[in-house]
């Protein structure tokens, strides 16, 4: 059974940092790319960042370029999203996702709130 579990969210002041974790199980983590998405209240879910299965290539939505970094550790079956210089508009539920042989899988999400 494929499972993705996010953690690391919380409340942070503008300009602060958070690191999100996505721990995978139930499939060969190293065989598939990973992505982080977010959904703010009243808005559609959007792709934030993606990384190839080997970690040799990454992509970001323009609004987070230079502030967020996606990475992965295949030995730990874990993907990360380092978020720096956070802004109130980054407030959302963040989800990790993988497209596996069984289709796209999602975690349950972790709330990130940027507020003073």
PDB file of N, CA and C in Angstrom:
ATOM      1  N   UNK A   1       0.843  -1.183   0.000  1.00  0.00           N
ATOM      2  CA  UNK A   1       0.000   0.000   0.000  1.00  0.00           C
ATOM      3  C   UNK A   1       0.887   1.245   0.000  1.00  0.00           C
ATOM      4  N   UNK A   2       0.695   2.086  -1.020  1.00  0.00           N
ATOM      5  CA  UNK A   2       1.497   3.307  -1.129  1.00  0.00           C
ATOM      6  C   UNK A   2       1.028   4.319  -0.080  1.00  0.00           C
ATOM      7  N   UNK A   3       1.994   4.856   0.649  1.00  0.00           N
ATOM      8  CA  UNK A   3       1.679   5.901   1.630  1.00  0.00           C
ATOM      9  C   UNK A   3       2.685   7.029   1.527  1.00  0.00           C
ATOM     10  N   UNK A   4       2.185   8.250   1.579  1.00  0.00           N
ATOM     11  CA  UNK A   4       3.016   9.445   1.650  1.00  0.00           C
ATOM     12  C   UNK A   4       2.565  10.219   2.881  1.00  0.00           C
ATOM     13  N   UNK A   5       3.503  10.543   3.739  1.00  0.00           N
ATOM     14  CA  UNK A   5       3.168  11.227   4.988  1.00  0.00           C
ATOM     15  C   UNK A   5       3.996  12.495   5.095  1.00  0.00           C
ATOM     16  N   UNK A   6       3.307  13.646   5.116  1.00  0.00           N
ATOM     17  CA  UNK A   6       3.987  14.934   5.253  1.00  0.00           C
ATOM     18  C   UNK A   6       4.091  15.327   6.724  1.00  0.00           C
ATOM     19  N   UNK A   7       5.104  16.107   7.021  1.00  0.00           N
ATOM     20  CA  UNK A   7       5.271  16.680   8.357  1.00  0.00           C
ATOM     21  C   UNK A   7       6.130  17.934   8.234  1.00  0.00           C
ATOM     22  N   UNK A   8       6.194  18.703   9.313  1.00  0.00           N
ATOM     23  CA  UNK A   8       7.055  19.869   9.333  1.00  0.00           C
ATOM     24  C   UNK A   8       6.346  21.196   9.185  1.00  0.00           C
ATOM     25  N   UNK A   9       5.045  21.167   8.943  1.00  0.00           N
ATOM     26  CA  UNK A   9       4.314  22.416   8.810  1.00  0.00           C
ATOM     27  C   UNK A   9       4.157  23.111  10.148  1.00  0.00           C
ATOM     28  N   UNK A  10       3.618  24.335  10.116  1.00  0.00           N
ATOM     29  CA  UNK A  10       3.408  25.071  11.348  1.00  0.00           C
ATOM     30  C   UNK A  10       3.176  26.537  11.075  1.00  0.00           C
ATOM     31  N   UNK A  11       3.248  27.309  12.156  1.00  0.00           N
ATOM     32  CA  UNK A  11       3.071  28.758  12.090  1.00  0.00           C
ATOM     33  C   UNK A  11       4.441  29.422  12.118  1.00  0.00           C
ATOM     34  N   UNK A  12       4.676  30.326  11.193  1.00  0.00           N
ATOM     35  CA  UNK A  12       5.962  31.015  11.117  1.00  0.00           C
ATOM     36  C   UNK A  12       5.713  32.465  10.743  1.00  0.00           C
ATOM     37  N   UNK A  13       6.586  33.334  11.214  1.00  0.00           N
ATOM     38  CA  UNK A  13       6.466  34.743  10.880  1.00  0.00           C
ATOM     39  C   UNK A  13       6.976  35.009   9.469  1.00  0.00           C
ATOM     40  N   UNK A  14       6.500  36.076   8.836  1.00  0.00           N
ATOM     41  CA  UNK A  14       7.034  36.446   7.522  1.00  0.00           C
ATOM     42  C   UNK A  14       8.555  36.591   7.578  1.00  0.00           C
ATOM     43  N   UNK A  15       9.209  36.066   6.562  1.00  0.00           N
ATOM     44  CA  UNK A  15      10.660  36.068   6.518  1.00  0.00           C
ATOM     45  C   UNK A  15      11.289  34.843   7.137  1.00  0.00           C
ATOM     46  N   UNK A  16      10.498  34.032   7.802  1.00  0.00           N
ATOM     47  CA  UNK A  16      11.009  32.836   8.464  1.00  0.00           C
ATOM     48  C   UNK A  16      11.167  31.663   7.520  1.00  0.00           C
ATOM     49  N   UNK A  17      11.555  30.531   8.105  1.00  0.00           N
ATOM     50  CA  UNK A  17      11.819  29.325   7.328  1.00  0.00           C
ATOM     51  C   UNK A  17      11.118  28.126   7.948  1.00  0.00           C
ATOM     52  N   UNK A  18      10.805  27.172   7.095  1.00  0.00           N
ATOM     53  CA  UNK A  18      10.290  25.876   7.514  1.00  0.00           C
ATOM     54  C   UNK A  18      10.862  24.821   6.571  1.00  0.00           C
ATOM     55  N   UNK A  19      10.974  23.608   7.089  1.00  0.00           N
ATOM     56  CA  UNK A  19      11.379  22.483   6.248  1.00  0.00           C
ATOM     57  C   UNK A  19      10.299  21.407   6.343  1.00  0.00           C
ATOM     58  N   UNK A  20       9.745  21.079   5.191  1.00  0.00           N
ATOM     59  CA  UNK A  20       8.724  20.031   5.131  1.00  0.00           C
ATOM     60  C   UNK A  20       9.373  18.699   4.772  1.00  0.00           C
ATOM     61  N   UNK A  21       8.781  17.648   5.318  1.00  0.00           N
ATOM     62  CA  UNK A  21       9.257  16.295   5.078  1.00  0.00           C
ATOM     63  C   UNK A  21       8.114  15.472   4.461  1.00  0.00           C
ATOM     64  N   UNK A  22       8.461  14.582   3.547  1.00  0.00           N
ATOM     65  CA  UNK A  22       7.503  13.641   2.973  1.00  0.00           C
ATOM     66  C   UNK A  22       8.139  12.257   3.008  1.00  0.00           C
ATOM     67  N   UNK A  23       7.619  11.402   3.859  1.00  0.00           N
ATOM     68  CA  UNK A  23       8.154  10.053   4.000  1.00  0.00           C
ATOM     69  C   UNK A  23       7.265   9.083   3.238  1.00  0.00           C
ATOM     70  N   UNK A  24       7.878   8.293   2.365  1.00  0.00           N
ATOM     71  CA  UNK A  24       7.142   7.387   1.490  1.00  0.00           C
ATOM     72  C   UNK A  24       7.327   5.935   1.914  1.00  0.00           C
ATOM     73  N   UNK A  25       6.312   5.133   1.653  1.00  0.00           N
ATOM     74  CA  UNK A  25       6.396   3.699   1.910  1.00  0.00           C
ATOM     75  C   UNK A  25       5.459   2.964   0.967  1.00  0.00           C
ATOM     76  N   UNK A  26       5.717   1.678   0.809  1.00  0.00           N
ATOM     77  CA  UNK A  26       4.822   0.848   0.009  1.00  0.00           C
ATOM     78  C   UNK A  26       5.161   0.777  -1.465  1.00  0.00           C
ATOM     79  N   UNK A  27       6.243   1.424  -1.885  1.00  0.00           N
ATOM     80  CA  UNK A  27       6.669   1.356  -3.279  1.00  0.00           C
ATOM     81  C   UNK A  27       8.143   1.703  -3.348  1.00  0.00           C
ATOM     82  N   UNK A  28       8.715   1.537  -4.540  1.00  0.00           N
ATOM     83  CA  UNK A  28      10.139   1.817  -4.725  1.00  0.00           C
ATOM     84  C   UNK A  28      10.324   3.316  -4.917  1.00  0.00           C
ATOM     85  N   UNK A  29      10.619   3.988  -3.817  1.00  0.00           N
ATOM     86  CA  UNK A  29      10.698   5.454  -3.799  1.00  0.00           C
ATOM     87  C   UNK A  29      11.645   5.996  -4.868  1.00  0.00           C
ATOM     88  N   UNK A  30      12.779   5.350  -5.013  1.00  0.00           N
ATOM     89  CA  UNK A  30      13.821   5.854  -5.918  1.00  0.00           C
ATOM     90  C   UNK A  30      13.454   5.715  -7.391  1.00  0.00           C
ATOM     91  N   UNK A  31      12.369   5.035  -7.699  1.00  0.00           N
ATOM     92  CA  UNK A  31      11.997   4.796  -9.090  1.00  0.00           C
ATOM     93  C   UNK A  31      11.120   5.891  -9.682  1.00  0.00           C
ATOM     94  N   UNK A  32      10.670   6.845  -8.857  1.00  0.00           N
ATOM     95  CA  UNK A  32       9.701   7.832  -9.329  1.00  0.00           C
ATOM     96  C   UNK A  32      10.068   9.236  -8.870  1.00  0.00           C
ATOM     97  N   UNK A  33       9.706  10.197  -9.713  1.00  0.00           N
ATOM     98  CA  UNK A  33       9.847  11.583  -9.307  1.00  0.00           C
ATOM     99  C   UNK A  33       8.889  11.939  -8.188  1.00  0.00           C
ATOM    100  N   UNK A  34       9.160  13.075  -7.555  1.00  0.00           N
ATOM    101  CA  UNK A  34       8.319  13.559  -6.469  1.00  0.00           C
ATOM    102  C   UNK A  34       7.962  15.015  -6.724  1.00  0.00           C
ATOM    103  N   UNK A  35       6.887  15.460  -6.134  1.00  0.00           N
ATOM    104  CA  UNK A  35       6.502  16.856  -6.271  1.00  0.00           C
ATOM    105  C   UNK A  35       5.820  17.339  -4.996  1.00  0.00           C
ATOM    106  N   UNK A  36       5.886  18.640  -4.812  1.00  0.00           N
ATOM    107  CA  UNK A  36       5.166  19.311  -3.725  1.00  0.00           C
ATOM    108  C   UNK A  36       4.123  20.228  -4.369  1.00  0.00           C
ATOM    109  N   UNK A  37       2.948  20.244  -3.778  1.00  0.00           N
ATOM    110  CA  UNK A  37       1.848  21.073  -4.232  1.00  0.00           C
ATOM    111  C   UNK A  37       1.294  21.810  -3.025  1.00  0.00           C
ATOM    112  N   UNK A  38       0.518  22.844  -3.274  1.00  0.00           N
ATOM    113  CA  UNK A  38      -0.128  23.530  -2.167  1.00  0.00           C
ATOM    114  C   UNK A  38      -1.513  24.004  -2.582  1.00  0.00           C
ATOM    115  N   UNK A  39      -2.355  24.145  -1.577  1.00  0.00           N
ATOM    116  CA  UNK A  39      -3.704  24.637  -1.826  1.00  0.00           C
ATOM    117  C   UNK A  39      -4.082  25.621  -0.726  1.00  0.00           C
ATOM    118  N   UNK A  40      -4.299  26.865  -1.134  1.00  0.00           N
ATOM    119  CA  UNK A  40      -4.743  27.901  -0.213  1.00  0.00           C
ATOM    120  C   UNK A  40      -6.270  27.925  -0.186  1.00  0.00           C
ATOM    121  N   UNK A  41      -6.855  28.452   0.884  1.00  0.00           N
ATOM    122  CA  UNK A  41      -8.318  28.505   0.978  1.00  0.00           C
ATOM    123  C   UNK A  41      -8.932  29.213  -0.221  1.00  0.00           C
ATOM    124  N   UNK A  42      -9.915  28.590  -0.838  1.00  0.00           N
ATOM    125  CA  UNK A  42     -10.609  29.194  -1.959  1.00  0.00           C
ATOM    126  C   UNK A  42      -9.863  29.158  -3.274  1.00  0.00           C
ATOM    127  N   UNK A  43      -8.710  28.502  -3.290  1.00  0.00           N
ATOM    128  CA  UNK A  43      -7.907  28.435  -4.509  1.00  0.00           C
ATOM    129  C   UNK A  43      -7.693  26.995  -4.939  1.00  0.00           C
ATOM    130  N   UNK A  44      -7.320  26.836  -6.197  1.00  0.00           N
ATOM    131  CA  UNK A  44      -7.023  25.502  -6.702  1.00  0.00           C
ATOM    132  C   UNK A  44      -5.641  25.048  -6.225  1.00  0.00           C
ATOM    133  N   UNK A  45      -5.469  23.749  -6.163  1.00  0.00           N
ATOM    134  CA  UNK A  45      -4.169  23.202  -5.806  1.00  0.00           C
ATOM    135  C   UNK A  45      -3.179  23.517  -6.925  1.00  0.00           C
ATOM    136  N   UNK A  46      -1.961  23.946  -6.545  1.00  0.00           N
ATOM    137  CA  UNK A  46      -0.954  24.283  -7.540  1.00  0.00           C
ATOM    138  C   UNK A  46       0.342  23.523  -7.274  1.00  0.00           C
ATOM    139  N   UNK A  47       1.029  23.229  -8.367  1.00  0.00           N
ATOM    140  CA  UNK A  47       2.341  22.601  -8.276  1.00  0.00           C
ATOM    141  C   UNK A  47       3.353  23.648  -7.806  1.00  0.00           C
ATOM    142  N   UNK A  48       4.105  23.318  -6.786  1.00  0.00           N
ATOM    143  CA  UNK A  48       5.119  24.222  -6.239  1.00  0.00           C
ATOM    144  C   UNK A  48       6.516  23.849  -6.738  1.00  0.00           C
ATOM    145  N   UNK A  49       6.847  22.569  -6.658  1.00  0.00           N
ATOM    146  CA  UNK A  49       8.189  22.136  -7.036  1.00  0.00           C
ATOM    147  C   UNK A  49       8.160  20.647  -7.373  1.00  0.00           C
ATOM    148  N   UNK A  50       9.090  20.236  -8.235  1.00  0.00           N
ATOM    149  CA  UNK A  50       9.203  18.825  -8.573  1.00  0.00           C
ATOM    150  C   UNK A  50      10.669  18.447  -8.681  1.00  0.00           C
ATOM    151  N   UNK A  51      10.919  17.148  -8.539  1.00  0.00           N
ATOM    152  CA  UNK A  51      12.287  16.639  -8.594  1.00  0.00           C
ATOM    153  C   UNK A  51      12.264  15.277  -9.262  1.00  0.00           C
ATOM    154  N   UNK A  52      13.292  15.008 -10.072  1.00  0.00           N
ATOM    155  CA  UNK A  52      13.361  13.716 -10.752  1.00  0.00           C
ATOM    156  C   UNK A  52      13.685  12.603  -9.766  1.00  0.00           C
ATOM    157  N   UNK A  53      13.589  11.380 -10.224  1.00  0.00           N
ATOM    158  CA  UNK A  53      13.799  10.243  -9.327  1.00  0.00           C
ATOM    159  C   UNK A  53      15.216  10.199  -8.776  1.00  0.00           C
ATOM    160  N   UNK A  54      16.172  10.699  -9.566  1.00  0.00           N
ATOM    161  CA  UNK A  54      17.560  10.706  -9.096  1.00  0.00           C
ATOM    162  C   UNK A  54      17.935  11.998  -8.399  1.00  0.00           C
ATOM    163  N   UNK A  55      17.071  12.987  -8.487  1.00  0.00           N
ATOM    164  CA  UNK A  55      17.371  14.271  -7.864  1.00  0.00           C
ATOM    165  C   UNK A  55      18.251  15.177  -8.697  1.00  0.00           C
ATOM    166  N   UNK A  56      18.478  14.805  -9.965  1.00  0.00           N
ATOM    167  CA  UNK A  56      19.413  15.592 -10.775  1.00  0.00           C
ATOM    168  C   UNK A  56      18.762  16.766 -11.477  1.00  0.00           C
ATOM    169  N   UNK A  57      17.459  16.874 -11.380  1.00  0.00           N
ATOM    170  CA  UNK A  57      16.772  18.009 -11.995  1.00  0.00           C
ATOM    171  C   UNK A  57      15.579  18.403 -11.137  1.00  0.00           C
ATOM    172  N   UNK A  58      15.366  19.707 -11.044  1.00  0.00           N
ATOM    173  CA  UNK A  58      14.249  20.239 -10.253  1.00  0.00           C
ATOM    174  C   UNK A  58      13.550  21.349 -11.038  1.00  0.00           C
ATOM    175  N   UNK A  59      12.309  21.591 -10.683  1.00  0.00           N
ATOM    176  CA  UNK A  59      11.551  22.689 -11.270  1.00  0.00           C
ATOM    177  C   UNK A  59      10.715  23.360 -10.192  1.00  0.00           C
ATOM    178  N   UNK A  60      10.478  24.661 -10.380  1.00  0.00           N
ATOM    179  CA  UNK A  60       9.740  25.434  -9.386  1.00  0.00           C
ATOM    180  C   UNK A  60       8.739  26.364 -10.077  1.00  0.00           C
ATOM    181  N   UNK A  61       7.642  26.620  -9.392  1.00  0.00           N
ATOM    182  CA  UNK A  61       6.749  27.669  -9.852  1.00  0.00           C
ATOM    183  C   UNK A  61       7.456  29.006  -9.636  1.00  0.00           C
ATOM    184  N   UNK A  62       7.181  29.964 -10.490  1.00  0.00           N
ATOM    185  CA  UNK A  62       7.922  31.235 -10.445  1.00  0.00           C
ATOM    186  C   UNK A  62       7.849  31.912  -9.076  1.00  0.00           C
ATOM    187  N   UNK A  63       6.719  31.796  -8.412  1.00  0.00           N
ATOM    188  CA  UNK A  63       6.526  32.524  -7.160  1.00  0.00           C
ATOM    189  C   UNK A  63       7.421  32.050  -6.021  1.00  0.00           C
ATOM    190  N   UNK A  64       8.031  30.877  -6.151  1.00  0.00           N
ATOM    191  CA  UNK A  64       8.888  30.370  -5.071  1.00  0.00           C
ATOM    192  C   UNK A  64      10.353  30.237  -5.492  1.00  0.00           C
ATOM    193  N   UNK A  65      10.658  30.525  -6.728  1.00  0.00           N
ATOM    194  CA  UNK A  65      12.046  30.400  -7.194  1.00  0.00           C
ATOM    195  C   UNK A  65      12.975  31.286  -6.374  1.00  0.00           C
ATOM    196  N   UNK A  66      14.091  30.703  -5.961  1.00  0.00           N
ATOM    197  CA  UNK A  66      15.052  31.433  -5.159  1.00  0.00           C
ATOM    198  C   UNK A  66      14.756  31.401  -3.667  1.00  0.00           C
ATOM    199  N   UNK A  67      13.570  30.906  -3.290  1.00  0.00           N
ATOM    200  CA  UNK A  67      13.205  30.846  -1.874  1.00  0.00           C
ATOM    201  C   UNK A  67      13.014  29.407  -1.387  1.00  0.00           C
ATOM    202  N   UNK A  68      12.484  28.549  -2.246  1.00  0.00           N
ATOM    203  CA  UNK A  68      12.210  27.154  -1.880  1.00  0.00           C
ATOM    204  C   UNK A  68      13.213  26.235  -2.574  1.00  0.00           C
ATOM    205  N   UNK A  69      13.529  25.132  -1.908  1.00  0.00           N
ATOM    206  CA  UNK A  69      14.401  24.117  -2.482  1.00  0.00           C
ATOM    207  C   UNK A  69      13.815  22.736  -2.223  1.00  0.00           C
ATOM    208  N   UNK A  70      13.618  21.984  -3.297  1.00  0.00           N
ATOM    209  CA  UNK A  70      13.165  20.605  -3.173  1.00  0.00           C
ATOM    210  C   UNK A  70      14.371  19.682  -3.250  1.00  0.00           C
ATOM    211  N   UNK A  71      14.348  18.636  -2.446  1.00  0.00           N
ATOM    212  CA  UNK A  71      15.439  17.660  -2.461  1.00  0.00           C
ATOM    213  C   UNK A  71      14.892  16.311  -2.022  1.00  0.00           C
ATOM    214  N   UNK A  72      15.724  15.296  -2.110  1.00  0.00           N
ATOM    215  CA  UNK A  72      15.295  13.963  -1.711  1.00  0.00           C
ATOM    216  C   UNK A  72      16.474  13.146  -1.241  1.00  0.00           C
ATOM    217  N   UNK A  73      16.192  12.178  -0.379  1.00  0.00           N
ATOM    218  CA  UNK A  73      17.186  11.219   0.072  1.00  0.00           C
ATOM    219  C   UNK A  73      16.601   9.833  -0.181  1.00  0.00           C
ATOM    220  N   UNK A  74      17.027   9.202  -1.256  1.00  0.00           N
ATOM    221  CA  UNK A  74      16.442   7.911  -1.627  1.00  0.00           C
ATOM    222  C   UNK A  74      16.753   6.816  -0.611  1.00  0.00           C
ATOM    223  N   UNK A  75      17.842   6.959   0.117  1.00  0.00           N
ATOM    224  CA  UNK A  75      18.172   5.973   1.146  1.00  0.00           C
ATOM    225  C   UNK A  75      17.197   6.034   2.323  1.00  0.00           C
ATOM    226  N   UNK A  76      16.578   7.198   2.503  1.00  0.00           N
ATOM    227  CA  UNK A  76      15.627   7.388   3.608  1.00  0.00           C
ATOM    228  C   UNK A  76      14.178   7.429   3.136  1.00  0.00           C
ATOM    229  N   UNK A  77      13.955   7.231   1.829  1.00  0.00           N
ATOM    230  CA  UNK A  77      12.601   7.294   1.270  1.00  0.00           C
ATOM    231  C   UNK A  77      11.895   8.591   1.654  1.00  0.00           C
ATOM    232  N   UNK A  78      12.626   9.674   1.598  1.00  0.00           N
ATOM    233  CA  UNK A  78      12.099  10.955   2.062  1.00  0.00           C
ATOM    234  C   UNK A  78      12.400  12.069   1.058  1.00  0.00           C
ATOM    235  N   UNK A  79      11.409  12.910   0.846  1.00  0.00           N
ATOM    236  CA  UNK A  79      11.572  14.127   0.064  1.00  0.00           C
ATOM    237  C   UNK A  79      11.407  15.316   1.006  1.00  0.00           C
ATOM    238  N   UNK A  80      12.031  16.425   0.634  1.00  0.00           N
ATOM    239  CA  UNK A  80      12.038  17.607   1.481  1.00  0.00           C
ATOM    240  C   UNK A  80      11.629  18.833   0.675  1.00  0.00           C
ATOM    241  N   UNK A  81      11.108  19.818   1.378  1.00  0.00           N
ATOM    242  CA  UNK A  81      10.896  21.135   0.786  1.00  0.00           C
ATOM    243  C   UNK A  81      11.378  22.168   1.804  1.00  0.00           C
ATOM    244  N   UNK A  82      12.533  22.743   1.507  1.00  0.00           N
ATOM    245  CA  UNK A  82      13.069  23.807   2.349  1.00  0.00           C
ATOM    246  C   UNK A  82      12.475  25.120   1.889  1.00  0.00           C
ATOM    247  N   UNK A  83      11.815  25.819   2.794  1.00  0.00           N
ATOM    248  CA  UNK A  83      11.122  27.064   2.458  1.00  0.00           C
ATOM    249  C   UNK A  83      11.734  28.197   3.267  1.00  0.00           C
ATOM    250  N   UNK A  84      12.343  29.141   2.569  1.00  0.00           N
ATOM    251  CA  UNK A  84      12.961  30.305   3.209  1.00  0.00           C
ATOM    252  C   UNK A  84      12.240  31.575   2.780  1.00  0.00           C
ATOM    253  N   UNK A  85      12.485  32.649   3.508  1.00  0.00           N
ATOM    254  CA  UNK A  85      11.888  33.953   3.187  1.00  0.00           C
ATOM    255  C   UNK A  85      10.392  33.831   2.956  1.00  0.00           C
ATOM    256  N   UNK A  86       9.729  33.161   3.870  1.00  0.00           N
ATOM    257  CA  UNK A  86       8.304  32.887   3.696  1.00  0.00           C
ATOM    258  C   UNK A  86       7.487  34.162   3.730  1.00  0.00           C
ATOM    259  N   UNK A  87       6.419  34.155   2.928  1.00  0.00           N
ATOM    260  CA  UNK A  87       5.521  35.297   2.800  1.00  0.00           C
ATOM    261  C   UNK A  87       4.109  34.872   3.206  1.00  0.00           C
ATOM    262  N   UNK A  88       3.277  35.813   3.599  1.00  0.00           N
ATOM    263  CA  UNK A  88       1.896  35.448   3.948  1.00  0.00           C
ATOM    264  C   UNK A  88       1.180  34.702   2.817  1.00  0.00           C
ATOM    265  N   UNK A  89       1.506  35.022   1.585  1.00  0.00           N
ATOM    266  CA  UNK A  89       0.857  34.355   0.453  1.00  0.00           C
ATOM    267  C   UNK A  89       1.318  32.914   0.270  1.00  0.00           C
ATOM    268  N   UNK A  90       2.296  32.472   1.038  1.00  0.00           N
ATOM    269  CA  UNK A  90       2.694  31.057   1.020  1.00  0.00           C
ATOM    270  C   UNK A  90       1.797  30.211   1.928  1.00  0.00           C
ATOM    271  N   UNK A  91       0.923  30.849   2.666  1.00  0.00           N
ATOM    272  CA  UNK A  91       0.015  30.123   3.553  1.00  0.00           C
ATOM    273  C   UNK A  91      -0.876  29.184   2.751  1.00  0.00           C
ATOM    274  N   UNK A  92      -0.852  27.903   3.123  1.00  0.00           N
ATOM    275  CA  UNK A  92      -1.607  26.885   2.385  1.00  0.00           C
ATOM    276  C   UNK A  92      -1.409  25.535   3.066  1.00  0.00           C
ATOM    277  N   UNK A  93      -2.177  24.566   2.617  1.00  0.00           N
ATOM    278  CA  UNK A  93      -1.890  23.175   2.957  1.00  0.00           C
ATOM    279  C   UNK A  93      -0.945  22.651   1.882  1.00  0.00           C
ATOM    280  N   UNK A  94       0.156  22.070   2.313  1.00  0.00           N
ATOM    281  CA  UNK A  94       1.164  21.560   1.392  1.00  0.00           C
ATOM    282  C   UNK A  94       1.068  20.034   1.328  1.00  0.00           C
ATOM    283  N   UNK A  95       1.078  19.531   0.082  1.00  0.00           N
ATOM    284  CA  UNK A  95       0.960  18.106  -0.169  1.00  0.00           C
ATOM    285  C   UNK A  95       2.164  17.607  -0.960  1.00  0.00           C
ATOM    286  N   UNK A  96       2.646  16.432  -0.619  1.00  0.00           N
ATOM    287  CA  UNK A  96       3.617  15.793  -1.498  1.00  0.00           C
ATOM    288  C   UNK A  96       2.881  14.769  -2.359  1.00  0.00           C
ATOM    289  N   UNK A  97       3.474  14.459  -3.503  1.00  0.00           N
ATOM    290  CA  UNK A  97       2.816  13.585  -4.455  1.00  0.00           C
ATOM    291  C   UNK A  97       3.839  12.832  -5.279  1.00  0.00           C
ATOM    292  N   UNK A  98       3.432  11.652  -5.730  1.00  0.00           N
ATOM    293  CA  UNK A  98       4.256  10.869  -6.636  1.00  0.00           C
ATOM    294  C   UNK A  98       3.348  10.192  -7.648  1.00  0.00           C
ATOM    295  N   UNK A  99       3.799  10.133  -8.885  1.00  0.00           N
ATOM    296  CA  UNK A  99       3.072   9.368  -9.907  1.00  0.00           C
ATOM    297  C   UNK A  99       3.730   8.008  -9.983  1.00  0.00           C
ATOM    298  N   UNK A 100       3.050   7.014  -9.476  1.00  0.00           N
ATOM    299  CA  UNK A 100       3.615   5.671  -9.404  1.00  0.00           C
ATOM    300  C   UNK A 100       2.940   4.760 -10.426  1.00  0.00           C
ATOM    301  N   UNK A 101       3.316   3.510 -10.414  1.00  0.00           N
ATOM    302  CA  UNK A 101       2.686   2.525 -11.300  1.00  0.00           C
ATOM    303  C   UNK A 101       1.206   2.348 -10.975  1.00  0.00           C
ATOM    304  N   UNK A 102       0.798   2.796  -9.798  1.00  0.00           N
ATOM    305  CA  UNK A 102      -0.593   2.686  -9.369  1.00  0.00           C
ATOM    306  C   UNK A 102      -1.343   4.010  -9.511  1.00  0.00           C
ATOM    307  N   UNK A 103      -0.738   4.947 -10.235  1.00  0.00           N
ATOM    308  CA  UNK A 103      -1.362   6.240 -10.421  1.00  0.00           C
ATOM    309  C   UNK A 103      -0.766   7.288  -9.501  1.00  0.00           C
ATOM    310  N   UNK A 104      -1.332   8.487  -9.545  1.00  0.00           N
ATOM    311  CA  UNK A 104      -0.829   9.568  -8.686  1.00  0.00           C
ATOM    312  C   UNK A 104      -1.283   9.335  -7.260  1.00  0.00           C
ATOM    313  N   UNK A 105      -0.340   9.473  -6.362  1.00  0.00           N
ATOM    314  CA  UNK A 105      -0.623   9.324  -4.936  1.00  0.00           C
ATOM    315  C   UNK A 105      -0.357  10.644  -4.219  1.00  0.00           C
ATOM    316  N   UNK A 106      -1.170  10.895  -3.195  1.00  0.00           N
ATOM    317  CA  UNK A 106      -1.066  12.126  -2.409  1.00  0.00           C
ATOM    318  C   UNK A 106      -0.907  11.793  -0.931  1.00  0.00           C
ATOM    319  N   UNK A 107      -0.206  12.671  -0.237  1.00  0.00           N
ATOM    320  CA  UNK A 107      -0.201  12.605   1.207  1.00  0.00           C
ATOM    321  C   UNK A 107      -1.420  13.320   1.757  1.00  0.00           C
ATOM    322  N   UNK A 108      -1.509  13.381   3.081  1.00  0.00           N
ATOM    323  CA  UNK A 108      -2.681  13.979   3.717  1.00  0.00           C
ATOM    324  C   UNK A 108      -2.554  15.487   3.839  1.00  0.00           C
ATOM    325  N   UNK A 109      -1.352  16.011   3.638  1.00  0.00           N
ATOM    326  CA  UNK A 109      -1.129  17.446   3.695  1.00  0.00           C
ATOM    327  C   UNK A 109      -0.654  17.917   5.058  1.00  0.00           C
ATOM    328  N   UNK A 110       0.066  19.029   5.040  1.00  0.00           N
ATOM    329  CA  UNK A 110       0.518  19.672   6.280  1.00  0.00           C
ATOM    330  C   UNK A 110       0.299  21.177   6.137  1.00  0.00           C
ATOM    331  N   UNK A 111      -0.262  21.788   7.172  1.00  0.00           N
ATOM    332  CA  UNK A 111      -0.617  23.204   7.117  1.00  0.00           C
ATOM    333  C   UNK A 111       0.606  24.080   7.358  1.00  0.00           C
ATOM    334  N   UNK A 112       0.774  25.050   6.494  1.00  0.00           N
ATOM    335  CA  UNK A 112       1.796  26.089   6.672  1.00  0.00           C
ATOM    336  C   UNK A 112       1.079  27.425   6.756  1.00  0.00           C
ATOM    337  N   UNK A 113       1.303  28.146   7.845  1.00  0.00           N
ATOM    338  CA  UNK A 113       0.690  29.452   8.043  1.00  0.00           C
ATOM    339  C   UNK A 113       1.780  30.479   8.282  1.00  0.00           C
ATOM    340  N   UNK A 114       1.805  31.500   7.441  1.00  0.00           N
ATOM    341  CA  UNK A 114       2.800  32.567   7.559  1.00  0.00           C
ATOM    342  C   UNK A 114       2.066  33.825   8.003  1.00  0.00           C
ATOM    343  N   UNK A 115       2.323  34.229   9.226  1.00  0.00           N
ATOM    344  CA  UNK A 115       1.590  35.354   9.804  1.00  0.00           C
ATOM    345  C   UNK A 115       2.368  35.940  10.961  1.00  0.00           C
ATOM    346  N   UNK A 116       2.226  37.243  11.136  1.00  0.00           N
ATOM    347  CA  UNK A 116       2.847  37.905  12.279  1.00  0.00           C
ATOM    348  C   UNK A 116       1.857  37.992  13.431  1.00  0.00           C
TER     349      UNK A 116
END
